[in-house]
Amino acid sequence: MMKKTFILCAGLCVALAFTSCGASKESAYRKAYEKAKAQQTEPAGETAETTAPVVTPLQEKPATQTTIINVDNATVRSEDVTVVNGAGLKSFSVIVGSFSLKANAEGLQSTLKSAGYDAQVAYNAGINMYRVVASTFDSKADAVNSRNHFRAKYPDAWLLFKK
């Protein structure tokens, strides 16, 4: 879990670095990738003194954008989203991907649709993220069962309660 979080944070830092700088994006990406790869393969006893960590300042955002509710041992995030591509959301939805680019969200949506799911794309304007909804339900229990099914292929799948 810690390694996944580190890799996710390193990837986010790399993405932020590329969107803020216009010069030589490819070479900057290559350098950041090589540093992240080197850090990932370092032995556990080695410290970061041998390689300089990639550090990008994070943008602070208010904590009120996403509310996390834990009911019946199933964590549910409550967000205000608008359906951009799909039939509409019910109370509980299974989210299998979050993207800042609409095209990336639609790519995952088409992958899910070709696998036989009624996938949708919803947009959270507060944090500028497109959420890929794999399935949506009125019942929380049904949503939890569906999320558990999707976690076999999408381990970070989570539940959304539409405000």
Protein backbone atom coordinates (compact mmCIF):
# COMPACT_ATOMS: atom_id res chain seq x y z
CA MET A 1 0.00 0.00 0.00
CA MET A 2 2.83 2.40 0.91
CA LYS A 3 4.65 1.59 -2.35
CA LYS A 4 1.47 2.20 -4.37
CA THR A 5 0.95 5.51 -2.60
CA PHE A 6 4.55 6.54 -3.23
CA ILE A 7 4.34 5.64 -6.92
CA LEU A 8 0.99 7.43 -7.22
CA CYS A 9 2.41 10.55 -5.54
CA ALA A 10 5.54 10.42 -7.72
CA GLY A 11 3.34 10.14 -10.81
CA LEU A 12 1.20 13.07 -9.66
CA CYS A 13 4.33 15.14 -9.05
CA VAL A 14 5.59 14.29 -12.53
CA ALA A 15 2.23 15.21 -14.07
CA LEU A 16 2.17 18.55 -12.25
CA ALA A 17 5.72 19.27 -13.35
CA PHE A 18 4.84 18.72 -17.00
CA THR A 19 1.73 20.87 -16.98
CA SER A 20 3.57 23.80 -15.42
CA CYS A 21 6.56 23.86 -17.79
CA GLY A 22 6.49 24.26 -21.55
CA ALA A 23 10.12 23.60 -22.46
CA SER A 24 11.54 20.19 -23.20
CA LYS A 25 8.68 18.14 -21.78
CA GLU A 26 9.93 14.85 -23.19
CA SER A 27 13.41 15.09 -21.66
CA ALA A 28 11.96 16.28 -18.34
CA TYR A 29 9.56 13.36 -18.35
CA ARG A 30 12.39 10.92 -19.09
CA LYS A 31 14.51 12.29 -16.22
CA ALA A 32 11.63 12.17 -13.76
CA TYR A 33 10.70 8.67 -14.86
CA GLU A 34 14.27 7.43 -14.43
CA LYS A 35 14.50 8.99 -10.95
CA ALA A 36 11.19 7.46 -9.88
CA LYS A 37 12.23 4.09 -11.30
CA ALA A 38 15.57 4.27 -9.46
CA GLN A 39 13.81 5.11 -6.19
CA GLN A 40 11.37 2.27 -6.69
CA THR A 41 14.16 -0.29 -7.17
CA GLU A 42 16.38 0.93 -4.27
CA PRO A 43 16.97 -1.67 -1.55
CA ALA A 44 14.97 -1.02 1.64
CA GLY A 45 18.07 -0.17 3.73
CA GLU A 46 19.34 2.48 1.33
CA THR A 47 18.38 6.10 1.99
CA ALA A 48 17.49 8.86 -0.42
CA GLU A 49 20.90 10.48 0.16
CA THR A 50 22.31 8.77 -2.92
CA THR A 51 19.65 10.22 -5.24
CA ALA A 52 17.83 13.52 -4.95
CA PRO A 53 14.08 13.03 -4.61
CA VAL A 54 11.72 14.61 -7.11
CA VAL A 55 9.81 17.29 -5.20
CA THR A 56 7.07 19.41 -6.68
CA PRO A 57 5.04 21.81 -4.54
CA LEU A 58 1.47 20.67 -4.06
CA GLN A 59 -1.46 22.98 -4.56
CA GLU A 60 -3.56 23.30 -1.45
CA LYS A 61 -7.27 22.66 -1.84
CA PRO A 62 -10.04 23.00 0.72
CA ALA A 63 -10.91 19.80 2.58
CA THR A 64 -14.62 20.38 1.98
CA GLN A 65 -14.56 19.13 -1.62
CA THR A 66 -14.93 15.43 -0.83
CA THR A 67 -16.73 14.03 2.19
CA ILE A 68 -15.88 10.48 3.23
CA ILE A 69 -18.65 8.59 5.00
CA ASN A 70 -18.09 5.16 6.55
CA VAL A 71 -21.35 3.24 6.87
CA ASP A 72 -21.54 -0.53 7.42
CA ASN A 73 -17.74 -0.82 7.02
CA ALA A 74 -17.94 0.40 3.42
CA THR A 75 -16.38 3.79 2.80
CA VAL A 76 -18.37 6.05 0.51
CA ARG A 77 -17.23 9.40 -0.88
CA SER A 78 -19.83 12.06 -1.37
CA GLU A 79 -19.23 14.41 -4.29
CA ASP A 80 -21.23 16.80 -6.39
CA VAL A 81 -20.88 15.42 -9.93
CA THR A 82 -22.59 15.99 -13.25
CA VAL A 83 -23.01 13.24 -15.85
CA VAL A 84 -21.15 14.20 -19.02
CA ASN A 85 -21.53 10.97 -20.97
CA GLY A 86 -24.08 8.37 -19.91
CA ALA A 87 -27.66 7.64 -18.89
CA GLY A 88 -27.56 9.12 -15.35
CA LEU A 89 -26.44 8.16 -11.87
CA LYS A 90 -28.39 6.56 -9.08
CA SER A 91 -27.53 7.09 -5.38
CA PHE A 92 -24.42 4.85 -5.22
CA SER A 93 -21.89 4.44 -8.03
CA VAL A 94 -18.70 2.42 -8.47
CA ILE A 95 -15.81 4.60 -9.66
CA VAL A 96 -12.95 2.76 -11.37
CA GLY A 97 -10.96 5.73 -12.69
CA SER A 98 -10.42 9.46 -12.16
CA PHE A 99 -8.85 11.68 -14.80
CA SER A 100 -8.15 15.36 -15.31
CA LEU A 101 -8.55 14.89 -19.08
CA LYS A 102 -11.98 14.03 -20.45
CA ALA A 103 -10.46 12.03 -23.34
CA ASN A 104 -8.73 9.66 -20.90
CA ALA A 105 -11.98 9.11 -18.98
CA GLU A 106 -13.84 8.41 -22.22
CA GLY A 107 -11.13 5.92 -23.22
CA LEU A 108 -11.69 3.88 -20.05
CA GLN A 109 -15.45 4.25 -20.52
CA SER A 110 -15.26 2.74 -24.01
CA THR A 111 -13.09 -0.12 -22.67
CA LEU A 112 -15.75 -0.88 -20.06
CA LYS A 113 -18.57 -0.57 -22.60
CA SER A 114 -16.83 -3.01 -24.93
CA ALA A 115 -16.64 -5.41 -21.95
CA GLY A 116 -20.44 -5.16 -21.61
CA TYR A 117 -20.80 -2.60 -18.80
CA ASP A 118 -23.01 0.49 -18.93
CA ALA A 119 -20.11 2.81 -18.06
CA GLN A 120 -20.59 6.57 -17.70
CA VAL A 121 -18.41 9.64 -17.23
CA ALA A 122 -19.23 12.16 -14.50
CA TYR A 123 -17.49 15.49 -13.88
CA ASN A 124 -16.63 17.04 -10.50
CA ALA A 125 -16.17 20.75 -11.26
CA GLY A 126 -14.91 21.49 -7.73
CA ILE A 127 -11.71 19.51 -8.28
CA ASN A 128 -11.73 19.40 -12.11
CA MET A 129 -11.81 15.59 -12.29
CA TYR A 130 -13.67 13.24 -14.61
CA ARG A 131 -14.90 10.12 -12.80
CA VAL A 132 -15.45 6.88 -14.74
CA VAL A 133 -18.55 5.16 -13.36
CA ALA A 134 -18.55 1.42 -14.00
CA SER A 135 -21.98 0.79 -12.46
CA THR A 136 -24.63 2.67 -10.48
CA PHE A 137 -27.23 1.47 -7.95
CA ASP A 138 -30.00 2.67 -5.63
CA SER A 139 -28.86 0.18 -2.97
CA LYS A 140 -25.55 0.55 -1.16
CA ALA A 141 -25.27 -3.23 -0.69
CA ASP A 142 -25.52 -3.79 -4.45
CA ALA A 143 -22.91 -1.09 -5.05
CA VAL A 144 -20.52 -2.70 -2.53
CA ASN A 145 -20.90 -6.09 -4.26
CA SER A 146 -20.23 -4.49 -7.65
CA ARG A 147 -17.20 -2.57 -6.32
CA ASN A 148 -15.76 -5.80 -4.90
CA HIS A 149 -16.23 -7.43 -8.32
CA PHE A 150 -14.46 -4.56 -10.11
CA ARG A 151 -11.56 -4.55 -7.62
CA ALA A 152 -10.25 -7.73 -9.25
CA LYS A 153 -9.29 -5.63 -12.30
CA TYR A 154 -9.40 -2.11 -10.78
CA PRO A 155 -7.95 -2.46 -7.25
CA ASP A 156 -8.57 1.20 -6.39
CA ALA A 157 -12.29 1.11 -7.23
CA TRP A 158 -14.38 3.12 -4.75
CA LEU A 159 -17.96 4.09 -3.99
CA LEU A 160 -19.46 7.48 -4.80
CA PHE A 161 -22.61 8.85 -3.19
CA LYS A 162 -24.03 11.51 -5.51
CA LYS A 163 -25.03 14.67 -3.64
